[in-house]
Amino acid sequence: MRPPRDDIAAPEFPPGTTWVGAEPRQMSALAVRGPVLVHFLDFAQLNCVRALPYVLEWNRRYGRAGLTTLGVHSPRHPFTADPEVLPPALARLGIEHPVADDSGYALWRDYGCEGW
């Protein structure tokens, strides 16, 4: 399905966003290179973990063709909000693309998310 407009802009990352993995450039610079997949997740949320194999495969399959994959960790559970547990959890799940720590839900609100 095509969006009704060709110029739908994704919000920029808030200043001071903490990243696990390489810190990407601004969204506007990434979007010029090609499509950007933004995956919102909580590493302990079942729906997020179930969708993850698709995200990882799309990144593997289409990354060389210009797809940029980014994760945004917006914790649903108190125990997943600890910034110390995020890097090892992402590594256990095999996530190698950059993931923003969105514990303050700034990106969550900017993108209008309503659920995991």
PDB file of N, CA and C in Angstrom:
ATOM      1  N   MET A   1       0.843  -1.177   0.000  1.00  0.00           N
ATOM      2  CA  MET A   1       0.000   0.000   0.000  1.00  0.00           C
ATOM      3  C   MET A   1       0.883   1.233   0.000  1.00  0.00           C
ATOM      4  N   ARG A   2       0.598   2.166  -0.837  1.00  0.00           N
ATOM      5  CA  ARG A   2       1.350   3.413  -0.923  1.00  0.00           C
ATOM      6  C   ARG A   2       0.717   4.478  -0.037  1.00  0.00           C
ATOM      7  N   PRO A   3       1.552   5.265   0.655  1.00  0.00           N
ATOM      8  CA  PRO A   3       0.997   6.381   1.427  1.00  0.00           C
ATOM      9  C   PRO A   3       0.412   7.424   0.478  1.00  0.00           C
ATOM     10  N   PRO A   4      -0.492   8.259   0.975  1.00  0.00           N
ATOM     11  CA  PRO A   4      -1.146   9.238   0.108  1.00  0.00           C
ATOM     12  C   PRO A   4      -0.209  10.342  -0.399  1.00  0.00           C
ATOM     13  N   ARG A   5       0.982  10.464   0.200  1.00  0.00           N
ATOM     14  CA  ARG A   5       1.936  11.501  -0.216  1.00  0.00           C
ATOM     15  C   ARG A   5       3.306  10.871  -0.418  1.00  0.00           C
ATOM     16  N   ASP A   6       4.132  11.514  -1.248  1.00  0.00           N
ATOM     17  CA  ASP A   6       5.496  11.038  -1.467  1.00  0.00           C
ATOM     18  C   ASP A   6       6.492  11.638  -0.485  1.00  0.00           C
ATOM     19  N   ASP A   7       6.094  12.644   0.273  1.00  0.00           N
ATOM     20  CA  ASP A   7       7.049  13.387   1.091  1.00  0.00           C
ATOM     21  C   ASP A   7       6.752  13.280   2.599  1.00  0.00           C
ATOM     22  N   ILE A   8       6.411  12.090   3.056  1.00  0.00           N
ATOM     23  CA  ILE A   8       6.134  11.902   4.480  1.00  0.00           C
ATOM     24  C   ILE A   8       7.464  11.856   5.216  1.00  0.00           C
ATOM     25  N   ALA A   9       7.649  12.764   6.141  1.00  0.00           N
ATOM     26  CA  ALA A   9       8.916  12.868   6.867  1.00  0.00           C
ATOM     27  C   ALA A   9       8.823  12.159   8.212  1.00  0.00           C
ATOM     28  N   ALA A  10       9.871  11.442   8.548  1.00  0.00           N
ATOM     29  CA  ALA A  10       9.972  10.835   9.875  1.00  0.00           C
ATOM     30  C   ALA A  10      10.582  11.860  10.820  1.00  0.00           C
ATOM     31  N   PRO A  11      10.175  11.850  12.078  1.00  0.00           N
ATOM     32  CA  PRO A  11      10.745  12.806  13.029  1.00  0.00           C
ATOM     33  C   PRO A  11      12.250  12.596  13.213  1.00  0.00           C
ATOM     34  N   GLU A  12      12.955  13.685  13.483  1.00  0.00           N
ATOM     35  CA  GLU A  12      14.385  13.604  13.797  1.00  0.00           C
ATOM     36  C   GLU A  12      14.551  12.997  15.181  1.00  0.00           C
ATOM     37  N   PHE A  13      15.743  12.480  15.469  1.00  0.00           N
ATOM     38  CA  PHE A  13      16.040  11.941  16.788  1.00  0.00           C
ATOM     39  C   PHE A  13      16.234  13.099  17.755  1.00  0.00           C
ATOM     40  N   PRO A  14      15.664  13.017  18.954  1.00  0.00           N
ATOM     41  CA  PRO A  14      15.838  14.104  19.930  1.00  0.00           C
ATOM     42  C   PRO A  14      17.317  14.262  20.300  1.00  0.00           C
ATOM     43  N   PRO A  15      17.739  15.497  20.555  1.00  0.00           N
ATOM     44  CA  PRO A  15      19.130  15.696  21.001  1.00  0.00           C
ATOM     45  C   PRO A  15      19.398  14.877  22.264  1.00  0.00           C
ATOM     46  N   GLY A  16      20.578  14.294  22.331  1.00  0.00           N
ATOM     47  CA  GLY A  16      20.950  13.517  23.506  1.00  0.00           C
ATOM     48  C   GLY A  16      20.454  12.087  23.501  1.00  0.00           C
ATOM     49  N   THR A  17      19.882  11.624  22.391  1.00  0.00           N
ATOM     50  CA  THR A  17      19.441  10.235  22.311  1.00  0.00           C
ATOM     51  C   THR A  17      20.637   9.314  22.505  1.00  0.00           C
ATOM     52  N   THR A  18      20.512   8.344  23.400  1.00  0.00           N
ATOM     53  CA  THR A  18      21.566   7.367  23.648  1.00  0.00           C
ATOM     54  C   THR A  18      21.354   6.173  22.723  1.00  0.00           C
ATOM     55  N   TRP A  19      22.435   5.730  22.079  1.00  0.00           N
ATOM     56  CA  TRP A  19      22.368   4.624  21.130  1.00  0.00           C
ATOM     57  C   TRP A  19      23.211   3.451  21.607  1.00  0.00           C
ATOM     58  N   VAL A  20      22.725   2.260  21.363  1.00  0.00           N
ATOM     59  CA  VAL A  20      23.514   1.041  21.524  1.00  0.00           C
ATOM     60  C   VAL A  20      23.914   0.656  20.104  1.00  0.00           C
ATOM     61  N   GLY A  21      25.207   0.529  19.874  1.00  0.00           N
ATOM     62  CA  GLY A  21      25.695   0.333  18.512  1.00  0.00           C
ATOM     63  C   GLY A  21      26.091   1.685  17.951  1.00  0.00           C
ATOM     64  N   ALA A  22      26.410   1.717  16.693  1.00  0.00           N
ATOM     65  CA  ALA A  22      26.829   2.964  16.058  1.00  0.00           C
ATOM     66  C   ALA A  22      25.702   3.985  16.086  1.00  0.00           C
ATOM     67  N   GLU A  23      26.043   5.225  16.344  1.00  0.00           N
ATOM     68  CA  GLU A  23      25.038   6.280  16.351  1.00  0.00           C
ATOM     69  C   GLU A  23      24.775   6.732  14.918  1.00  0.00           C
ATOM     70  N   PRO A  24      23.534   6.615  14.446  1.00  0.00           N
ATOM     71  CA  PRO A  24      23.240   7.040  13.082  1.00  0.00           C
ATOM     72  C   PRO A  24      23.210   8.558  12.960  1.00  0.00           C
ATOM     73  N   ARG A  25      23.281   9.017  11.724  1.00  0.00           N
ATOM     74  CA  ARG A  25      23.145  10.447  11.471  1.00  0.00           C
ATOM     75  C   ARG A  25      21.688  10.846  11.663  1.00  0.00           C
ATOM     76  N   GLN A  26      21.397  12.079  11.365  1.00  0.00           N
ATOM     77  CA  GLN A  26      20.007  12.545  11.473  1.00  0.00           C
ATOM     78  C   GLN A  26      19.108  11.790  10.496  1.00  0.00           C
ATOM     79  N   MET A  27      17.855  11.658  10.839  1.00  0.00           N
ATOM     80  CA  MET A  27      16.902  10.929  10.016  1.00  0.00           C
ATOM     81  C   MET A  27      16.836  11.510   8.603  1.00  0.00           C
ATOM     82  N   SER A  28      16.887  12.824   8.493  1.00  0.00           N
ATOM     83  CA  SER A  28      16.796  13.448   7.170  1.00  0.00           C
ATOM     84  C   SER A  28      17.951  13.007   6.275  1.00  0.00           C
ATOM     85  N   ALA A  29      19.156  12.833   6.846  1.00  0.00           N
ATOM     86  CA  ALA A  29      20.309  12.377   6.061  1.00  0.00           C
ATOM     87  C   ALA A  29      20.171  10.901   5.700  1.00  0.00           C
ATOM     88  N   LEU A  30      19.636  10.101   6.612  1.00  0.00           N
ATOM     89  CA  LEU A  30      19.453   8.678   6.334  1.00  0.00           C
ATOM     90  C   LEU A  30      18.426   8.456   5.239  1.00  0.00           C
ATOM     91  N   ALA A  31      17.337   9.212   5.278  1.00  0.00           N
ATOM     92  CA  ALA A  31      16.239   9.036   4.330  1.00  0.00           C
ATOM     93  C   ALA A  31      16.648   9.406   2.911  1.00  0.00           C
ATOM     94  N   VAL A  32      17.624  10.284   2.767  1.00  0.00           N
ATOM     95  CA  VAL A  32      18.095  10.651   1.433  1.00  0.00           C
ATOM     96  C   VAL A  32      18.794   9.453   0.781  1.00  0.00           C
ATOM     97  N   ARG A  33      19.474   8.639   1.596  1.00  0.00           N
ATOM     98  CA  ARG A  33      20.193   7.462   1.088  1.00  0.00           C
ATOM     99  C   ARG A  33      19.269   6.356   0.619  1.00  0.00           C
ATOM    100  N   GLY A  34      18.113   6.238   1.253  1.00  0.00           N
ATOM    101  CA  GLY A  34      17.197   5.160   0.914  1.00  0.00           C
ATOM    102  C   GLY A  34      16.169   4.971   2.012  1.00  0.00           C
ATOM    103  N   PRO A  35      15.404   3.884   1.943  1.00  0.00           N
ATOM    104  CA  PRO A  35      14.369   3.651   2.953  1.00  0.00           C
ATOM    105  C   PRO A  35      14.972   3.379   4.332  1.00  0.00           C
ATOM    106  N   VAL A  36      14.225   3.783   5.359  1.00  0.00           N
ATOM    107  CA  VAL A  36      14.644   3.579   6.748  1.00  0.00           C
ATOM    108  C   VAL A  36      13.539   2.811   7.461  1.00  0.00           C
ATOM    109  N   LEU A  37      13.911   1.676   8.039  1.00  0.00           N
ATOM    110  CA  LEU A  37      12.995   0.874   8.830  1.00  0.00           C
ATOM    111  C   LEU A  37      13.251   1.181  10.297  1.00  0.00           C
ATOM    112  N   VAL A  38      12.221   1.648  11.000  1.00  0.00           N
ATOM    113  CA  VAL A  38      12.332   1.949  12.426  1.00  0.00           C
ATOM    114  C   VAL A  38      11.464   0.941  13.168  1.00  0.00           C
ATOM    115  N   HIS A  39      12.120   0.109  13.982  1.00  0.00           N
ATOM    116  CA  HIS A  39      11.423  -0.949  14.705  1.00  0.00           C
ATOM    117  C   HIS A  39      11.375  -0.587  16.193  1.00  0.00           C
ATOM    118  N   PHE A  40      10.185  -0.314  16.700  1.00  0.00           N
ATOM    119  CA  PHE A  40      10.004  -0.051  18.127  1.00  0.00           C
ATOM    120  C   PHE A  40       9.875  -1.384  18.841  1.00  0.00           C
ATOM    121  N   LEU A  41      10.566  -1.506  19.971  1.00  0.00           N
ATOM    122  CA  LEU A  41      10.557  -2.779  20.672  1.00  0.00           C
ATOM    123  C   LEU A  41      10.818  -2.615  22.158  1.00  0.00           C
ATOM    124  N   ASP A  42      10.457  -3.637  22.886  1.00  0.00           N
ATOM    125  CA  ASP A  42      10.903  -3.885  24.249  1.00  0.00           C
ATOM    126  C   ASP A  42      11.454  -5.301  24.184  1.00  0.00           C
ATOM    127  N   PHE A  43      12.691  -5.493  24.612  1.00  0.00           N
ATOM    128  CA  PHE A  43      13.345  -6.787  24.401  1.00  0.00           C
ATOM    129  C   PHE A  43      12.677  -7.936  25.138  1.00  0.00           C
ATOM    130  N   ALA A  44      11.763  -7.656  26.067  1.00  0.00           N
ATOM    131  CA  ALA A  44      11.071  -8.720  26.793  1.00  0.00           C
ATOM    132  C   ALA A  44       9.585  -8.786  26.437  1.00  0.00           C
ATOM    133  N   GLN A  45       9.156  -8.030  25.461  1.00  0.00           N
ATOM    134  CA  GLN A  45       7.758  -8.020  25.043  1.00  0.00           C
ATOM    135  C   GLN A  45       7.563  -9.073  23.943  1.00  0.00           C
ATOM    136  N   LEU A  46       6.653  -9.992  24.144  1.00  0.00           N
ATOM    137  CA  LEU A  46       6.468 -11.115  23.234  1.00  0.00           C
ATOM    138  C   LEU A  46       6.240 -10.677  21.788  1.00  0.00           C
ATOM    139  N   ASN A  47       5.362  -9.711  21.552  1.00  0.00           N
ATOM    140  CA  ASN A  47       5.085  -9.282  20.184  1.00  0.00           C
ATOM    141  C   ASN A  47       6.344  -8.747  19.497  1.00  0.00           C
ATOM    142  N   CYS A  48       7.188  -8.044  20.234  1.00  0.00           N
ATOM    143  CA  CYS A  48       8.428  -7.507  19.670  1.00  0.00           C
ATOM    144  C   CYS A  48       9.387  -8.622  19.309  1.00  0.00           C
ATOM    145  N   VAL A  49       9.502  -9.598  20.179  1.00  0.00           N
ATOM    146  CA  VAL A  49      10.417 -10.718  19.935  1.00  0.00           C
ATOM    147  C   VAL A  49       9.916 -11.562  18.762  1.00  0.00           C
ATOM    148  N   ARG A  50       8.618 -11.704  18.635  1.00  0.00           N
ATOM    149  CA  ARG A  50       8.057 -12.458  17.502  1.00  0.00           C
ATOM    150  C   ARG A  50       8.306 -11.758  16.168  1.00  0.00           C
ATOM    151  N   ALA A  51       8.291 -10.428  16.148  1.00  0.00           N
ATOM    152  CA  ALA A  51       8.519  -9.677  14.905  1.00  0.00           C
ATOM    153  C   ALA A  51       9.999  -9.578  14.551  1.00  0.00           C
ATOM    154  N   LEU A  52      10.864  -9.779  15.520  1.00  0.00           N
ATOM    155  CA  LEU A  52      12.296  -9.564  15.329  1.00  0.00           C
ATOM    156  C   LEU A  52      12.917 -10.375  14.196  1.00  0.00           C
ATOM    157  N   PRO A  53      12.602 -11.661  14.010  1.00  0.00           N
ATOM    158  CA  PRO A  53      13.220 -12.386  12.888  1.00  0.00           C
ATOM    159  C   PRO A  53      12.962 -11.728  11.534  1.00  0.00           C
ATOM    160  N   TYR A  54      11.795 -11.135  11.364  1.00  0.00           N
ATOM    161  CA  TYR A  54      11.498 -10.447  10.113  1.00  0.00           C
ATOM    162  C   TYR A  54      12.371  -9.209   9.948  1.00  0.00           C
ATOM    163  N   VAL A  55      12.501  -8.430  11.015  1.00  0.00           N
ATOM    164  CA  VAL A  55      13.321  -7.220  10.971  1.00  0.00           C
ATOM    165  C   VAL A  55      14.773  -7.577  10.672  1.00  0.00           C
ATOM    166  N   LEU A  56      15.291  -8.594  11.345  1.00  0.00           N
ATOM    167  CA  LEU A  56      16.680  -9.007  11.128  1.00  0.00           C
ATOM    168  C   LEU A  56      16.889  -9.507   9.697  1.00  0.00           C
ATOM    169  N   GLU A  57      15.939 -10.251   9.178  1.00  0.00           N
ATOM    170  CA  GLU A  57      16.065 -10.762   7.810  1.00  0.00           C
ATOM    171  C   GLU A  57      15.956  -9.639   6.786  1.00  0.00           C
ATOM    172  N   TRP A  58      15.039  -8.703   6.992  1.00  0.00           N
ATOM    173  CA  TRP A  58      14.961  -7.563   6.067  1.00  0.00           C
ATOM    174  C   TRP A  58      16.265  -6.781   6.075  1.00  0.00           C
ATOM    175  N   ASN A  59      16.849  -6.593   7.266  1.00  0.00           N
ATOM    176  CA  ASN A  59      18.120  -5.887   7.370  1.00  0.00           C
ATOM    177  C   ASN A  59      19.211  -6.649   6.611  1.00  0.00           C
ATOM    178  N   ARG A  60      19.266  -7.965   6.806  1.00  0.00           N
ATOM    179  CA  ARG A  60      20.277  -8.775   6.119  1.00  0.00           C
ATOM    180  C   ARG A  60      20.076  -8.766   4.607  1.00  0.00           C
ATOM    181  N   ARG A  61      18.829  -8.936   4.205  1.00  0.00           N
ATOM    182  CA  ARG A  61      18.527  -9.082   2.787  1.00  0.00           C
ATOM    183  C   ARG A  61      18.619  -7.762   2.012  1.00  0.00           C
ATOM    184  N   TYR A  62      18.150  -6.665   2.613  1.00  0.00           N
ATOM    185  CA  TYR A  62      18.031  -5.419   1.868  1.00  0.00           C
ATOM    186  C   TYR A  62      19.007  -4.330   2.299  1.00  0.00           C
ATOM    187  N   GLY A  63      19.818  -4.600   3.327  1.00  0.00           N
ATOM    188  CA  GLY A  63      20.784  -3.611   3.788  1.00  0.00           C
ATOM    189  C   GLY A  63      21.768  -3.207   2.705  1.00  0.00           C
ATOM    190  N   ARG A  64      22.232  -4.181   1.932  1.00  0.00           N
ATOM    191  CA  ARG A  64      23.176  -3.885   0.850  1.00  0.00           C
ATOM    192  C   ARG A  64      22.514  -3.113  -0.287  1.00  0.00           C
ATOM    193  N   ALA A  65      21.187  -3.162  -0.358  1.00  0.00           N
ATOM    194  CA  ALA A  65      20.450  -2.447  -1.397  1.00  0.00           C
ATOM    195  C   ALA A  65      20.034  -1.050  -0.945  1.00  0.00           C
ATOM    196  N   GLY A  66      20.431  -0.644   0.279  1.00  0.00           N
ATOM    197  CA  GLY A  66      20.153   0.717   0.727  1.00  0.00           C
ATOM    198  C   GLY A  66      19.232   0.861   1.922  1.00  0.00           C
ATOM    199  N   LEU A  67      18.652  -0.235   2.417  1.00  0.00           N
ATOM    200  CA  LEU A  67      17.775  -0.143   3.590  1.00  0.00           C
ATOM    201  C   LEU A  67      18.604   0.130   4.841  1.00  0.00           C
ATOM    202  N   THR A  68      18.199   1.116   5.615  1.00  0.00           N
ATOM    203  CA  THR A  68      18.794   1.373   6.921  1.00  0.00           C
ATOM    204  C   THR A  68      17.807   0.894   7.974  1.00  0.00           C
ATOM    205  N   THR A  69      18.265   0.038   8.881  1.00  0.00           N
ATOM    206  CA  THR A  69      17.414  -0.494   9.941  1.00  0.00           C
ATOM    207  C   THR A  69      17.850   0.100  11.271  1.00  0.00           C
ATOM    208  N   LEU A  70      16.892   0.632  12.004  1.00  0.00           N
ATOM    209  CA  LEU A  70      17.140   1.202  13.324  1.00  0.00           C
ATOM    210  C   LEU A  70      16.136   0.605  14.309  1.00  0.00           C
ATOM    211  N   GLY A  71      16.572   0.419  15.522  1.00  0.00           N
ATOM    212  CA  GLY A  71      15.672  -0.016  16.578  1.00  0.00           C
ATOM    213  C   GLY A  71      15.454   1.127  17.564  1.00  0.00           C
ATOM    214  N   VAL A  72      14.315   1.104  18.198  1.00  0.00           N
ATOM    215  CA  VAL A  72      14.014   2.055  19.270  1.00  0.00           C
ATOM    216  C   VAL A  72      13.472   1.238  20.431  1.00  0.00           C
ATOM    217  N   HIS A  73      14.258   1.163  21.506  1.00  0.00           N
ATOM    218  CA  HIS A  73      13.837   0.401  22.676  1.00  0.00           C
ATOM    219  C   HIS A  73      13.048   1.312  23.606  1.00  0.00           C
ATOM    220  N   SER A  74      11.739   1.114  23.631  1.00  0.00           N
ATOM    221  CA  SER A  74      10.841   1.848  24.522  1.00  0.00           C
ATOM    222  C   SER A  74      10.317   0.829  25.527  1.00  0.00           C
ATOM    223  N   PRO A  75      10.852   0.836  26.747  1.00  0.00           N
ATOM    224  CA  PRO A  75      10.539  -0.239  27.696  1.00  0.00           C
ATOM    225  C   PRO A  75       9.079  -0.258  28.130  1.00  0.00           C
ATOM    226  N   ARG A  76       8.529  -1.441  28.100  1.00  0.00           N
ATOM    227  CA  ARG A  76       7.161  -1.630  28.593  1.00  0.00           C
ATOM    228  C   ARG A  76       7.165  -2.053  30.053  1.00  0.00           C
ATOM    229  N   HIS A  77       8.217  -2.735  30.463  1.00  0.00           N
ATOM    230  CA  HIS A  77       8.306  -3.287  31.814  1.00  0.00           C
ATOM    231  C   HIS A  77       9.376  -2.540  32.613  1.00  0.00           C
ATOM    232  N   PRO A  78       9.186  -2.374  33.916  1.00  0.00           N
ATOM    233  CA  PRO A  78      10.190  -1.674  34.730  1.00  0.00           C
ATOM    234  C   PRO A  78      11.581  -2.301  34.649  1.00  0.00           C
ATOM    235  N   PHE A  79      11.660  -3.626  34.606  1.00  0.00           N
ATOM    236  CA  PHE A  79      12.978  -4.266  34.588  1.00  0.00           C
ATOM    237  C   PHE A  79      13.705  -4.093  33.258  1.00  0.00           C
ATOM    238  N   THR A  80      12.995  -3.728  32.188  1.00  0.00           N
ATOM    239  CA  THR A  80      13.673  -3.497  30.906  1.00  0.00           C
ATOM    240  C   THR A  80      14.077  -2.037  30.730  1.00  0.00           C
ATOM    241  N   ALA A  81      13.730  -1.187  31.684  1.00  0.00           N
ATOM    242  CA  ALA A  81      14.081   0.238  31.595  1.00  0.00           C
ATOM    243  C   ALA A  81      15.491   0.530  32.097  1.00  0.00           C
ATOM    244  N   ASP A  82      16.134  -0.425  32.720  1.00  0.00           N
ATOM    245  CA  ASP A  82      17.492  -0.246  33.235  1.00  0.00           C
ATOM    246  C   ASP A  82      18.472  -0.190  32.058  1.00  0.00           C
ATOM    247  N   PRO A  83      19.179   0.931  31.875  1.00  0.00           N
ATOM    248  CA  PRO A  83      20.083   1.046  30.720  1.00  0.00           C
ATOM    249  C   PRO A  83      21.232   0.040  30.742  1.00  0.00           C
ATOM    250  N   GLU A  84      21.540  -0.510  31.905  1.00  0.00           N
ATOM    251  CA  GLU A  84      22.627  -1.502  32.020  1.00  0.00           C
ATOM    252  C   GLU A  84      22.248  -2.845  31.371  1.00  0.00           C
ATOM    253  N   VAL A  85      20.969  -3.174  31.349  1.00  0.00           N
ATOM    254  CA  VAL A  85      20.557  -4.475  30.822  1.00  0.00           C
ATOM    255  C   VAL A  85      20.287  -4.444  29.317  1.00  0.00           C
ATOM    256  N   LEU A  86      20.196  -3.261  28.742  1.00  0.00           N
ATOM    257  CA  LEU A  86      19.847  -3.158  27.324  1.00  0.00           C
ATOM    258  C   LEU A  86      20.917  -3.738  26.391  1.00  0.00           C
ATOM    259  N   PRO A  87      22.191  -3.341  26.469  1.00  0.00           N
ATOM    260  CA  PRO A  87      23.171  -3.888  25.516  1.00  0.00           C
ATOM    261  C   PRO A  87      23.285  -5.418  25.535  1.00  0.00           C
ATOM    262  N   PRO A  88      23.378  -6.065  26.718  1.00  0.00           N
ATOM    263  CA  PRO A  88      23.460  -7.532  26.675  1.00  0.00           C
ATOM    264  C   PRO A  88      22.180  -8.192  26.154  1.00  0.00           C
ATOM    265  N   ALA A  89      21.032  -7.594  26.425  1.00  0.00           N
ATOM    266  CA  ALA A  89      19.767  -8.162  25.927  1.00  0.00           C
ATOM    267  C   ALA A  89      19.714  -8.092  24.409  1.00  0.00           C
ATOM    268  N   LEU A  90      20.121  -6.978  23.835  1.00  0.00           N
ATOM    269  CA  LEU A  90      20.138  -6.838  22.374  1.00  0.00           C
ATOM    270  C   LEU A  90      21.112  -7.829  21.753  1.00  0.00           C
ATOM    271  N   ALA A  91      22.265  -8.011  22.386  1.00  0.00           N
ATOM    272  CA  ALA A  91      23.257  -8.967  21.874  1.00  0.00           C
ATOM    273  C   ALA A  91      22.692 -10.394  21.899  1.00  0.00           C
ATOM    274  N   ARG A  92      22.001 -10.767  22.996  1.00  0.00           N
ATOM    275  CA  ARG A  92      21.403 -12.108  23.087  1.00  0.00           C
ATOM    276  C   ARG A  92      20.377 -12.344  21.988  1.00  0.00           C
ATOM    277  N   LEU A  93      19.679 -11.287  21.590  1.00  0.00           N
ATOM    278  CA  LEU A  93      18.662 -11.408  20.542  1.00  0.00           C
ATOM    279  C   LEU A  93      19.252 -11.328  19.134  1.00  0.00           C
ATOM    280  N   GLY A  94      20.553 -11.068  19.030  1.00  0.00           N
ATOM    281  CA  GLY A  94      21.204 -10.998  17.717  1.00  0.00           C
ATOM    282  C   GLY A  94      20.997  -9.688  16.987  1.00  0.00           C
ATOM    283  N   ILE A  95      20.638  -8.634  17.704  1.00  0.00           N
ATOM    284  CA  ILE A  95      20.406  -7.327  17.091  1.00  0.00           C
ATOM    285  C   ILE A  95      21.744  -6.612  16.947  1.00  0.00           C
ATOM    286  N   GLU A  96      22.138  -6.356  15.719  1.00  0.00           N
ATOM    287  CA  GLU A  96      23.409  -5.695  15.449  1.00  0.00           C
ATOM    288  C   GLU A  96      23.237  -4.277  14.932  1.00  0.00           C
ATOM    289  N   HIS A  97      22.039  -3.923  14.481  1.00  0.00           N
ATOM    290  CA  HIS A  97      21.820  -2.559  13.985  1.00  0.00           C
ATOM    291  C   HIS A  97      21.685  -1.607  15.188  1.00  0.00           C
ATOM    292  N   PRO A  98      21.877  -0.299  14.960  1.00  0.00           N
ATOM    293  CA  PRO A  98      21.774   0.660  16.068  1.00  0.00           C
ATOM    294  C   PRO A  98      20.381   0.661  16.697  1.00  0.00           C
ATOM    295  N   VAL A  99      20.364   0.787  18.021  1.00  0.00           N
ATOM    296  CA  VAL A  99      19.100   0.828  18.772  1.00  0.00           C
ATOM    297  C   VAL A  99      19.155   2.019  19.732  1.00  0.00           C
ATOM    298  N   ALA A 100      18.147   2.870  19.650  1.00  0.00           N
ATOM    299  CA  ALA A 100      18.047   4.020  20.548  1.00  0.00           C
ATOM    300  C   ALA A 100      17.417   3.578  21.863  1.00  0.00           C
ATOM    301  N   ASP A 101      17.953   4.097  22.961  1.00  0.00           N
ATOM    302  CA  ASP A 101      17.348   3.879  24.278  1.00  0.00           C
ATOM    303  C   ASP A 101      16.315   4.981  24.472  1.00  0.00           C
ATOM    304  N   ASP A 102      15.055   4.612  24.363  1.00  0.00           N
ATOM    305  CA  ASP A 102      13.961   5.580  24.430  1.00  0.00           C
ATOM    306  C   ASP A 102      13.198   5.431  25.748  1.00  0.00           C
ATOM    307  N   SER A 103      13.947   5.324  26.853  1.00  0.00           N
ATOM    308  CA  SER A 103      13.309   5.139  28.158  1.00  0.00           C
ATOM    309  C   SER A 103      12.418   6.309  28.551  1.00  0.00           C
ATOM    310  N   GLY A 104      12.671   7.486  27.998  1.00  0.00           N
ATOM    311  CA  GLY A 104      11.826   8.650  28.269  1.00  0.00           C
ATOM    312  C   GLY A 104      10.648   8.777  27.313  1.00  0.00           C
ATOM    313  N   TYR A 105      10.532   7.868  26.364  1.00  0.00           N
ATOM    314  CA  TYR A 105       9.421   7.795  25.406  1.00  0.00           C
ATOM    315  C   TYR A 105       9.314   9.010  24.484  1.00  0.00           C
ATOM    316  N   ALA A 106      10.408   9.712  24.249  1.00  0.00           N
ATOM    317  CA  ALA A 106      10.375  10.866  23.335  1.00  0.00           C
ATOM    318  C   ALA A 106      10.081  10.409  21.906  1.00  0.00           C
ATOM    319  N   LEU A 107      10.799   9.398  21.407  1.00  0.00           N
ATOM    320  CA  LEU A 107      10.543   8.898  20.051  1.00  0.00           C
ATOM    321  C   LEU A 107       9.183   8.216  19.979  1.00  0.00           C
ATOM    322  N   TRP A 108       8.820   7.513  21.031  1.00  0.00           N
ATOM    323  CA  TRP A 108       7.513   6.852  21.099  1.00  0.00           C
ATOM    324  C   TRP A 108       6.402   7.870  20.832  1.00  0.00           C
ATOM    325  N   ARG A 109       6.477   9.013  21.516  1.00  0.00           N
ATOM    326  CA  ARG A 109       5.470  10.069  21.329  1.00  0.00           C
ATOM    327  C   ARG A 109       5.587  10.708  19.948  1.00  0.00           C
ATOM    328  N   ASP A 110       6.830  10.989  19.501  1.00  0.00           N
ATOM    329  CA  ASP A 110       7.026  11.626  18.196  1.00  0.00           C
ATOM    330  C   ASP A 110       6.435  10.803  17.057  1.00  0.00           C
ATOM    331  N   TYR A 111       6.526   9.491  17.166  1.00  0.00           N
ATOM    332  CA  TYR A 111       6.015   8.605  16.111  1.00  0.00           C
ATOM    333  C   TYR A 111       4.544   8.228  16.327  1.00  0.00           C
ATOM    334  N   GLY A 112       3.970   8.622  17.446  1.00  0.00           N
ATOM    335  CA  GLY A 112       2.557   8.342  17.703  1.00  0.00           C
ATOM    336  C   GLY A 112       2.277   6.885  18.017  1.00  0.00           C
ATOM    337  N   CYS A 113       3.222   6.216  18.639  1.00  0.00           N
ATOM    338  CA  CYS A 113       3.028   4.789  18.970  1.00  0.00           C
ATOM    339  C   CYS A 113       1.932   4.628  20.029  1.00  0.00           C
ATOM    340  N   GLU A 114       1.229   3.532  19.913  1.00  0.00           N
ATOM    341  CA  GLU A 114       0.160   3.240  20.864  1.00  0.00           C
ATOM    342  C   GLU A 114       0.291   1.869  21.506  1.00  0.00           C
ATOM    343  N   GLY A 115       1.213   1.052  21.033  1.00  0.00           N
ATOM    344  CA  GLY A 115       1.384  -0.285  21.596  1.00  0.00           C
ATOM    345  C   GLY A 115       2.604  -0.962  21.016  1.00  0.00           C
ATOM    346  N   TRP A 116       3.039  -2.022  21.683  1.00  0.00           N
ATOM    347  CA  TRP A 116       4.235  -2.718  21.238  1.00  0.00           C
ATOM    348  C   TRP A 116       3.871  -3.762  20.231  1.00  0.00           C
TER     349      TRP A 116
END
